[in-house]
Protein backbone atom coordinates (compact mmCIF):
# COMPACT_ATOMS: atom_id res chain seq x y z
CA ARG A 1 126.44 77.71 82.92
CA MET A 2 125.96 75.55 79.32
CA LEU A 3 126.90 79.12 77.59
CA SER A 4 129.80 79.78 79.14
CA GLN A 5 131.25 76.31 78.04
CA MET A 6 130.09 76.62 74.53
CA TRP A 7 131.71 79.99 74.11
CA ASN A 8 134.67 79.15 76.14
CA LYS A 9 133.72 82.33 78.18
CA PRO A 10 134.21 83.11 82.01
CA MET A 11 131.22 83.11 84.01
CA VAL A 12 130.54 85.90 86.02
CA GLY A 13 128.31 86.27 88.77
CA VAL A 14 125.54 89.14 88.39
CA ASN A 15 123.80 90.92 91.69
CA HIS A 16 120.77 91.57 89.77
CA CYS A 17 119.75 94.39 92.38
CA VAL A 18 122.86 96.07 91.63
CA ALA A 19 122.64 95.46 88.20
CA HIS A 20 119.17 97.69 88.00
CA ILE A 21 120.93 100.76 90.40
CA GLU A 22 123.76 100.59 88.26
CA MET A 23 122.04 100.83 84.85
CA GLY A 24 120.63 104.03 86.68
CA ARG A 25 123.68 105.45 87.29
CA CYS A 26 125.01 104.78 84.00
CA VAL A 27 121.77 106.74 82.44
CA THR A 28 121.65 109.52 85.25
CA GLY A 29 125.39 109.96 85.74
CA ALA A 30 124.23 110.21 89.42
CA ALA A 31 127.57 109.54 91.68
CA ASN A 32 125.98 108.57 94.64
CA PRO A 33 122.63 107.82 94.47
CA THR A 34 119.91 106.61 97.00
CA VAL A 35 117.28 104.43 95.54
CA LEU A 36 114.14 103.62 96.59
CA TYR A 37 114.89 99.60 95.10
CA VAL A 38 111.50 98.49 94.15
CA SER A 39 111.50 94.54 92.58
CA GLY A 40 108.69 91.71 93.02
CA GLY A 41 110.24 90.80 96.03
CA ASN A 42 112.26 93.46 97.68
CA THR A 43 111.74 96.86 98.59
CA GLN A 44 114.77 98.23 99.97
CA VAL A 45 116.32 101.73 100.21
CA ILE A 46 119.68 101.70 99.12
CA SER A 47 122.72 104.32 99.01
CA TYR A 48 126.04 104.14 97.36
CA SER A 49 128.88 105.52 98.71
CA LEU A 50 132.64 105.45 98.82
CA ASN A 51 132.52 102.34 95.93
CA LYS A 52 129.71 100.28 98.21
CA TYR A 53 126.44 100.19 97.97
CA ARG A 54 124.48 100.30 101.92
CA ILE A 55 121.35 98.70 102.61
CA PHE A 56 119.11 101.73 105.30
CA GLY A 57 115.98 99.73 105.07
CA GLU A 58 114.15 97.30 103.80
CA THR A 59 110.61 95.20 104.31
CA ILE A 60 110.81 92.00 105.39
CA ASP A 61 106.88 91.03 104.72
CA VAL A 62 105.34 93.51 102.07
CA ALA A 63 107.08 94.17 98.83
CA ILE A 64 106.04 97.23 97.06
CA GLY A 65 106.83 95.78 93.63
CA ASN A 66 104.07 92.86 94.89
CA CYS A 67 101.61 95.44 95.60
CA LEU A 68 102.05 97.14 92.06
CA ASP A 69 101.99 94.08 90.34
CA ARG A 70 98.80 92.84 91.58
CA PHE A 71 97.04 96.65 91.56
CA ALA A 72 98.08 95.83 87.75
CA ARG A 73 96.54 92.68 87.37
CA ILE A 74 93.09 93.58 88.90
CA ILE A 75 92.84 97.00 86.97
CA GLU A 76 94.03 94.44 84.10
CA LEU A 77 97.08 96.05 82.70
CA SER A 78 99.83 94.27 80.51
CA ASN A 79 102.89 93.01 82.25
CA ASP A 80 104.97 94.22 78.79
CA PRO A 81 107.22 96.19 79.66
CA ALA A 82 106.39 96.18 83.22
CA PRO A 83 103.08 96.57 85.57
CA GLY A 84 104.85 99.24 87.40
CA TYR A 85 106.06 100.98 84.09
CA ASN A 86 102.20 101.02 83.06
CA ILE A 87 100.85 101.89 86.32
CA GLU A 88 102.84 105.04 85.74
CA GLN A 89 102.07 105.75 82.30
CA CYS A 90 97.81 105.82 83.20
CA ALA A 91 98.71 107.60 85.92
CA LYS A 92 100.23 110.43 83.76
CA LYS A 93 97.01 110.44 81.82
CA GLY A 94 94.80 111.45 84.82
CA LYS A 95 92.98 114.30 85.08
CA LYS A 96 91.00 113.66 88.52
CA PHE A 97 92.78 114.14 91.50
CA ILE A 98 91.15 112.89 95.32
CA PRO A 99 92.25 114.86 98.09
CA LEU A 100 93.86 112.45 100.65
CA PRO A 101 92.76 112.22 104.68
CA TYR A 102 96.11 113.73 105.64
CA VAL A 103 99.12 115.64 104.04
CA VAL A 104 102.60 114.24 104.45
CA LYS A 105 105.07 116.89 105.47
CA VAL A 106 108.58 117.49 104.30
CA ILE A 107 111.37 117.86 107.08
CA THR A 108 114.51 119.53 105.47
CA ALA A 109 117.57 120.27 107.34
CA ALA A 110 120.04 123.34 105.82
C-alpha cells in the first residue's frame, strides 16, 4: 500500500496461485491447462476453461509442498531457488532405481 501511495499507482489484487499458473501458461503456450498446483500449504488440481479456473480437488490436511520442503530440509538441500526444484535436480542425476511394491496403471479413454 505504501508503494502504491508513494508512486501514485493503483493497487491491484493478485491471486498468488493464479499468478503461478498464468506464468506457466505464458511460458508453455497452453490454452486450457490442467495443473497440479503444489505450494507450501496448498495442493490442488486446477483446470482452466472458458476464461475461468476450476478446482477439481484439493487436500485439506496434507500439502505436497510441505512434504517436499520437509524432505529437502532433512537431506540438507538448499531452499535456493526452491526445495522442489533442488529435489528434481538431484533426481535427474540418479542412477539407481528402487523397485516399488506396486504398479500404477494408466487408464485411457479413446
